[in-house]
Amino acid sequence: MKRRVFLGLGALVLAARSVAQSGRRPRIGYLLATALLEPPSPERQAFLDGLRELGYVPGKNVEVIYQSAQNAVEFVEDLCRDLVAQKVDVIVVSGAIALLAAKKCTATTPIVFMAVGDPVGIGAVASLSRPEGNITGISFISSELAGKRVQLIRELIPAAKRIAVIWDSRNANARAESKATLAAAAQLGAKAEPYPVASDAELGAALQRIQPSRPDVLYVTFEGGIVASNRTLIAEFGQRQRLPIVSGWGFLTEAGALISYAPSIPPMFRRSASYVDRILKGAKPSDLPVEQASNVELVINMKTAKALGINIPQSVLVRADRVIE
């Protein structure tokens, strides 16, 4: 018999307004395929801040029930069923893996995804304007930016010939971005070396293989899953190996990667709170169009660039939204 894995943190009391026509405190299920970090990750903290901005005060009138598969993705659907059995009023999910598991789990309980690339392409919703069904939320540009990130590699490191590309092979959007990255690298005459991973152990093994091969750049795909939950591990690996890291994750750049180019994730989590609020007040997910984040930001870590001996051209610096000194 399979042993179910979940993080039983119980009910964390936050604040909210009452669900329309309900005499009890509303319940929000928070479903993750990855580990639930304590203290909260910047993304989850942004969601909680968004709730508070709407009048949700900890210890008042809402329950948030956390369920985390801690990267054992085969159990995500079971955890979703646990939330449904507890009669949550809405389930919020992060990442394509958790979203698709939740979609399979329930067709009636409202689901809000907080940051998922191309929800139409993976079959989560019918369209952005008319999601239909019980799912809606916040999306972002992912695979479409792969070519621009590869172009940034060419601008910053013109001599780069070998690019290691690492992604969560269980994630449909990450797979799509990896293909776009491999194609973009080939068009620019660089050799992209694929490193798909499906577990923390596989990530560790991939980094061990990358170390002696000495690629010129490490490209990390911009999707949730293993790469997101191991953000610190990857950033520290790049620093130890003096390996430039390019990704969509601003937190990787803050931790020591060279650059990132993508929408900022925390604002999407914060914005998701408004979807939860409207659903708790009686709105149907099918009536709430999916929003797509458009605030793409270029983040450059100048400290890392100097340590690696990389000269950031002025033409790139003037385009930066944030420069970390």
Protein backbone atom coordinates (compact mmCIF):
# COMPACT_ATOMS: atom_id res chain seq x y z
CA MET A 1 0.00 0.00 0.00
CA LYS A 2 1.30 3.40 -0.86
CA ARG A 3 2.16 5.63 2.03
CA ARG A 4 0.58 9.03 1.62
CA VAL A 5 2.90 11.93 2.21
CA PHE A 6 1.59 15.29 3.35
CA LEU A 7 2.42 18.11 5.67
CA GLY A 8 -0.12 18.06 8.46
CA LEU A 9 0.27 21.56 9.79
CA GLY A 10 -3.42 21.66 10.65
CA ALA A 11 -5.48 24.77 10.23
CA LEU A 12 -3.68 28.05 10.26
CA VAL A 13 -6.14 30.74 11.19
CA LEU A 14 -6.01 33.82 9.02
CA ALA A 15 -8.57 36.50 8.33
CA ALA A 16 -11.28 36.77 5.84
CA ARG A 17 -14.72 37.99 5.18
CA SER A 18 -17.53 35.52 5.56
CA VAL A 19 -18.58 33.33 2.70
CA ALA A 20 -21.91 34.52 1.41
CA GLN A 21 -24.80 32.75 3.17
CA SER A 22 -22.47 30.76 5.43
CA GLY A 23 -22.62 30.59 9.18
CA ARG A 24 -19.12 29.18 9.62
CA ARG A 25 -15.69 30.51 8.93
CA PRO A 26 -14.69 29.94 5.28
CA ARG A 27 -11.93 27.47 4.57
CA ILE A 28 -9.15 27.93 2.04
CA GLY A 29 -7.19 24.86 0.98
CA TYR A 30 -3.56 25.62 0.07
CA LEU A 31 -2.20 22.78 -2.09
CA LEU A 32 1.46 22.36 -3.02
CA ALA A 33 3.38 19.67 -4.87
CA THR A 34 6.59 21.09 -3.41
CA ALA A 35 7.66 21.61 0.19
CA LEU A 36 5.92 24.21 2.32
CA LEU A 37 8.64 26.50 3.67
CA GLU A 38 8.68 28.00 7.12
CA PRO A 39 9.00 30.90 7.53
CA PRO A 40 6.82 31.44 4.45
CA SER A 41 8.49 31.77 1.08
CA PRO A 42 8.28 35.27 -0.49
CA GLU A 43 5.54 33.92 -2.77
CA ARG A 44 3.32 32.52 -0.01
CA GLN A 45 3.92 35.59 2.13
CA ALA A 46 2.74 37.74 -0.77
CA PHE A 47 -0.50 35.70 -0.93
CA LEU A 48 -1.06 36.11 2.81
CA ASP A 49 -0.34 39.83 2.52
CA GLY A 50 -2.88 40.04 -0.27
CA LEU A 51 -5.50 38.46 1.96
CA ARG A 52 -4.73 40.90 4.75
CA GLU A 53 -5.01 43.86 2.40
CA LEU A 54 -8.54 42.72 1.65
CA GLY A 55 -9.42 42.70 5.34
CA TYR A 56 -8.34 39.20 6.27
CA VAL A 57 -6.87 39.32 9.77
CA PRO A 58 -5.10 36.32 11.32
CA GLY A 59 -7.15 34.65 14.03
CA LYS A 60 -10.49 36.04 12.92
CA ASN A 61 -12.77 34.36 10.44
CA VAL A 62 -11.06 32.08 7.94
CA GLU A 63 -9.09 28.86 8.03
CA VAL A 64 -6.22 28.09 5.67
CA ILE A 65 -5.53 24.37 5.54
CA TYR A 66 -2.14 23.48 4.10
CA GLN A 67 -1.38 20.28 2.25
CA SER A 68 2.11 19.70 0.82
CA ALA A 69 3.33 16.63 -1.08
CA GLN A 70 6.94 17.71 -0.48
CA ASN A 71 7.85 16.82 -4.08
CA ALA A 72 6.21 13.38 -3.92
CA VAL A 73 3.89 14.41 -6.74
CA GLU A 74 2.08 11.08 -6.93
CA PHE A 75 0.29 12.04 -3.71
CA VAL A 76 -0.94 15.50 -4.73
CA GLU A 77 -4.31 14.25 -5.93
CA ASP A 78 -4.88 12.41 -2.65
CA LEU A 79 -4.06 15.56 -0.72
CA CYS A 80 -6.55 17.47 -2.83
CA ARG A 81 -9.21 14.89 -1.96
CA ASP A 82 -8.43 15.45 1.71
CA LEU A 83 -9.11 19.16 1.24
CA VAL A 84 -12.38 18.45 -0.57
CA ALA A 85 -13.40 16.07 2.24
CA GLN A 86 -12.77 18.89 4.72
CA LYS A 87 -15.26 20.97 2.72
CA VAL A 88 -12.93 23.82 1.83
CA ASP A 89 -14.62 26.65 -0.02
CA VAL A 90 -11.75 27.22 -2.46
CA ILE A 91 -8.42 25.55 -3.23
CA VAL A 92 -5.39 27.64 -4.19
CA VAL A 93 -2.54 25.91 -6.00
CA SER A 94 0.93 26.83 -7.17
CA GLY A 95 2.49 25.32 -10.28
CA ALA A 96 1.25 23.19 -13.15
CA ILE A 97 1.69 19.85 -11.35
CA ALA A 98 -0.55 20.79 -8.43
CA LEU A 99 -3.05 22.48 -10.75
CA LEU A 100 -3.53 19.46 -13.00
CA ALA A 101 -3.81 17.15 -9.98
CA ALA A 102 -6.46 19.43 -8.49
CA LYS A 103 -8.34 19.56 -11.79
CA LYS A 104 -8.43 15.76 -11.84
CA CYS A 105 -9.48 15.66 -8.20
CA THR A 106 -12.55 17.90 -8.31
CA ALA A 107 -14.82 19.50 -10.88
CA THR A 108 -16.92 21.36 -8.32
CA THR A 109 -14.72 22.95 -5.64
CA PRO A 110 -13.39 26.31 -6.96
CA ILE A 111 -9.66 26.27 -7.78
CA VAL A 112 -7.44 29.35 -8.05
CA PHE A 113 -3.94 28.93 -9.49
CA MET A 114 -1.47 31.52 -8.30
CA ALA A 115 1.27 31.37 -10.94
CA VAL A 116 1.08 28.96 -13.86
CA GLY A 117 2.47 29.41 -17.34
CA ASP A 118 0.14 28.63 -20.27
CA PRO A 119 -2.87 27.14 -18.44
CA VAL A 120 -4.63 26.75 -21.79
CA GLY A 121 -1.76 24.77 -23.33
CA ILE A 122 -1.70 22.26 -20.48
CA GLY A 123 -5.47 21.82 -20.60
CA ALA A 124 -6.31 23.45 -17.26
CA VAL A 125 -8.75 26.02 -18.69
CA ALA A 126 -10.60 26.43 -21.99
CA SER A 127 -9.30 29.96 -22.61
CA LEU A 128 -7.99 32.94 -20.69
CA SER A 129 -11.10 35.04 -21.24
CA ARG A 130 -13.55 32.19 -20.63
CA PRO A 131 -11.88 29.61 -18.40
CA GLU A 132 -15.10 27.57 -17.96
CA GLY A 133 -15.36 24.89 -15.29
CA ASN A 134 -14.19 25.50 -11.73
CA ILE A 135 -10.70 26.89 -12.37
CA THR A 136 -9.25 30.38 -12.80
CA GLY A 137 -6.26 32.39 -11.59
CA ILE A 138 -3.06 34.18 -12.57
CA SER A 139 -0.85 33.10 -15.48
CA PHE A 140 2.50 34.30 -16.79
CA ILE A 141 4.62 34.23 -19.91
CA SER A 142 7.07 31.33 -19.75
CA SER A 143 8.19 29.49 -22.86
CA GLU A 144 7.82 32.60 -25.01
CA LEU A 145 10.68 34.24 -23.10
CA ALA A 146 13.12 31.36 -23.49
CA GLY A 147 14.56 32.76 -26.71
CA LYS A 148 15.07 36.19 -25.14
CA ARG A 149 16.93 34.64 -22.20
CA VAL A 150 19.19 32.76 -24.60
CA GLN A 151 19.76 36.00 -26.50
CA LEU A 152 20.78 37.65 -23.22
CA ILE A 153 23.34 34.87 -22.78
CA ARG A 154 24.78 35.77 -26.17
CA GLU A 155 24.93 39.46 -25.25
CA LEU A 156 26.57 38.88 -21.88
CA ILE A 157 28.79 35.93 -22.71
CA PRO A 158 29.47 36.04 -26.47
CA ALA A 159 31.93 33.15 -26.28
CA ALA A 160 29.41 30.78 -24.64
CA LYS A 161 29.16 27.59 -26.69
CA ARG A 162 27.68 25.11 -24.21
CA ILE A 163 24.54 25.76 -22.20
CA ALA A 164 23.33 23.25 -19.59
CA VAL A 165 19.52 23.34 -19.38
CA ILE A 166 17.87 21.97 -16.26
CA TRP A 167 14.12 21.51 -15.76
CA ASP A 168 11.48 19.55 -13.85
CA SER A 169 10.53 16.84 -16.33
CA ARG A 170 7.20 16.23 -14.56
CA ASN A 171 6.03 19.75 -15.36
CA ALA A 172 4.37 20.19 -18.77
CA ASN A 173 5.23 23.89 -19.01
CA ALA A 174 8.83 23.28 -17.95
CA ARG A 175 9.12 20.67 -20.70
CA ALA A 176 7.77 23.17 -23.23
CA GLU A 177 10.23 25.83 -22.11
CA SER A 178 13.14 23.39 -22.26
CA LYS A 179 12.30 22.60 -25.89
CA ALA A 180 12.11 26.29 -26.73
CA THR A 181 15.45 26.86 -25.01
CA LEU A 182 17.17 24.02 -26.86
CA ALA A 183 15.84 25.34 -30.17
CA ALA A 184 16.88 28.93 -29.43
CA ALA A 185 20.39 27.84 -28.45
CA ALA A 186 20.77 25.86 -31.66
CA GLN A 187 19.71 28.87 -33.74
CA LEU A 188 22.48 30.92 -32.13
CA GLY A 189 25.08 28.23 -32.74
CA ALA A 190 25.35 27.07 -29.13
CA LYS A 191 25.06 23.50 -27.90
CA ALA A 192 22.33 23.05 -25.30
CA GLU A 193 22.84 20.06 -23.01
CA PRO A 194 19.58 18.76 -21.47
CA TYR A 195 19.29 17.82 -17.79
CA PRO A 196 15.69 16.78 -17.04
CA VAL A 197 15.08 15.91 -13.38
CA ALA A 198 12.09 14.32 -11.66
CA SER A 199 13.13 14.31 -7.99
CA ASP A 200 15.44 16.00 -5.52
CA ALA A 201 17.83 13.06 -5.86
CA GLU A 202 17.88 13.45 -9.66
CA LEU A 203 18.59 17.16 -9.27
CA GLY A 204 21.57 16.40 -7.07
CA ALA A 205 22.82 13.82 -9.57
CA ALA A 206 22.37 16.29 -12.44
CA LEU A 207 24.43 18.93 -10.66
CA GLN A 208 27.14 16.33 -10.05
CA ARG A 209 27.23 15.60 -13.79
CA ILE A 210 27.26 19.28 -14.69
CA GLN A 211 30.19 20.03 -12.41
CA PRO A 212 32.92 18.10 -14.31
CA SER A 213 31.46 18.88 -17.74
CA ARG A 214 32.07 22.62 -17.18
CA PRO A 215 29.41 24.21 -19.41
CA ASP A 216 29.65 27.93 -20.07
CA VAL A 217 26.19 28.72 -18.67
CA LEU A 218 23.48 27.02 -16.60
CA TYR A 219 19.94 27.80 -17.76
CA VAL A 220 17.18 27.10 -15.19
CA THR A 221 13.62 26.92 -16.51
CA PHE A 222 10.97 29.27 -15.15
CA GLU A 223 8.37 26.92 -13.70
CA GLY A 224 7.46 25.63 -10.27
CA GLY A 225 8.51 22.25 -8.96
CA ILE A 226 11.93 20.93 -8.12
CA VAL A 227 13.93 23.90 -9.35
CA ALA A 228 11.81 26.32 -7.33
CA SER A 229 11.93 24.36 -4.10
CA ASN A 230 15.71 23.92 -4.46
CA ARG A 231 16.42 27.54 -5.30
CA THR A 232 19.12 27.97 -2.66
CA LEU A 233 20.87 24.73 -3.61
CA ILE A 234 21.09 25.73 -7.26
CA ALA A 235 22.26 29.28 -6.55
CA GLU A 236 24.97 28.05 -4.18
CA PHE A 237 26.08 25.46 -6.74
CA GLY A 238 26.56 28.21 -9.32
CA GLN A 239 28.59 30.30 -6.90
CA ARG A 240 30.85 27.40 -5.92
CA GLN A 241 31.45 26.40 -9.53
CA ARG A 242 31.77 29.98 -10.79
CA LEU A 243 29.06 29.08 -13.27
CA PRO A 244 26.80 31.87 -14.64
CA ILE A 245 23.13 31.06 -14.05
CA VAL A 246 20.38 32.48 -16.25
CA SER A 247 16.73 31.92 -15.35
CA GLY A 248 13.34 33.51 -14.90
CA TRP A 249 13.62 33.38 -11.12
CA GLY A 250 14.44 36.72 -9.52
CA PHE A 251 15.20 35.00 -6.22
CA LEU A 252 17.96 33.00 -7.92
CA THR A 253 19.56 36.24 -9.07
CA GLU A 254 19.21 37.68 -5.60
CA ALA A 255 20.92 34.56 -4.23
CA GLY A 256 23.87 34.81 -6.63
CA ALA A 257 22.76 33.87 -10.15
CA LEU A 258 23.84 36.22 -12.95
CA ILE A 259 20.53 37.34 -14.48
CA SER A 260 16.83 36.60 -14.61
CA TYR A 261 14.21 37.72 -17.09
CA ALA A 262 10.53 36.99 -16.41
CA PRO A 263 7.48 38.29 -14.60
CA SER A 264 7.95 38.67 -10.85
CA ILE A 265 6.21 35.81 -9.01
CA PRO A 266 5.24 37.40 -5.63
CA PRO A 267 2.90 40.01 -7.19
CA MET A 268 1.00 37.19 -8.88
CA PHE A 269 0.50 35.42 -5.56
CA ARG A 270 -0.66 38.68 -4.00
CA ARG A 271 -3.11 39.28 -6.84
CA SER A 272 -4.49 35.74 -6.45
CA ALA A 273 -5.94 36.74 -3.09
CA SER A 274 -8.49 38.91 -4.90
CA TYR A 275 -9.76 35.83 -6.78
CA VAL A 276 -10.20 34.01 -3.49
CA ASP A 277 -12.03 36.99 -2.04
CA ARG A 278 -14.46 37.17 -4.95
CA ILE A 279 -15.14 33.44 -4.86
CA LEU A 280 -15.78 33.53 -1.11
CA LYS A 281 -18.31 36.26 -1.84
CA GLY A 282 -20.12 34.02 -4.32
CA ALA A 283 -18.43 34.55 -7.71
CA LYS A 284 -18.00 31.56 -10.00
CA PRO A 285 -14.51 30.76 -11.34
CA SER A 286 -15.96 30.44 -14.84
CA ASP A 287 -16.99 34.11 -14.65
CA LEU A 288 -13.50 35.30 -13.66
CA PRO A 289 -11.13 35.59 -16.66
CA VAL A 290 -7.57 34.39 -16.18
CA GLU A 291 -5.16 37.29 -15.79
CA GLN A 292 -1.74 37.15 -17.43
CA ALA A 293 1.10 38.97 -15.72
CA SER A 294 2.83 41.47 -17.99
CA ASN A 295 5.38 42.98 -15.60
CA VAL A 296 8.44 41.28 -17.08
CA GLU A 297 11.59 42.35 -15.25
CA LEU A 298 15.27 42.00 -15.99
CA VAL A 299 17.36 41.52 -12.85
CA ILE A 300 21.18 41.61 -12.94
CA ASN A 301 23.50 40.66 -10.12
CA MET A 302 26.52 42.92 -10.62
CA LYS A 303 28.38 41.36 -7.71
CA THR A 304 28.20 37.99 -9.44
CA ALA A 305 29.16 39.51 -12.79
CA LYS A 306 32.28 41.06 -11.26
CA ALA A 307 33.21 37.82 -9.48
CA LEU A 308 32.93 35.94 -12.77
CA GLY A 309 34.77 38.59 -14.76
CA ILE A 310 31.73 39.29 -16.94
CA ASN A 311 31.38 42.80 -18.32
CA ILE A 312 27.73 43.79 -18.49
CA PRO A 313 27.26 45.95 -21.63
CA GLN A 314 25.65 49.32 -21.12
CA SER A 315 23.00 48.30 -23.64
CA VAL A 316 21.87 45.59 -21.21
CA LEU A 317 22.27 47.66 -18.04
CA VAL A 318 19.92 50.37 -19.30
CA ARG A 319 17.23 47.71 -19.79
CA ALA A 320 17.56 46.32 -16.26
CA ASP A 321 14.65 46.79 -13.87
CA ARG A 322 16.80 45.85 -10.88
CA VAL A 323 20.55 45.79 -10.42
CA ILE A 324 21.93 43.97 -7.39
CA GLU A 325 25.25 45.47 -6.28
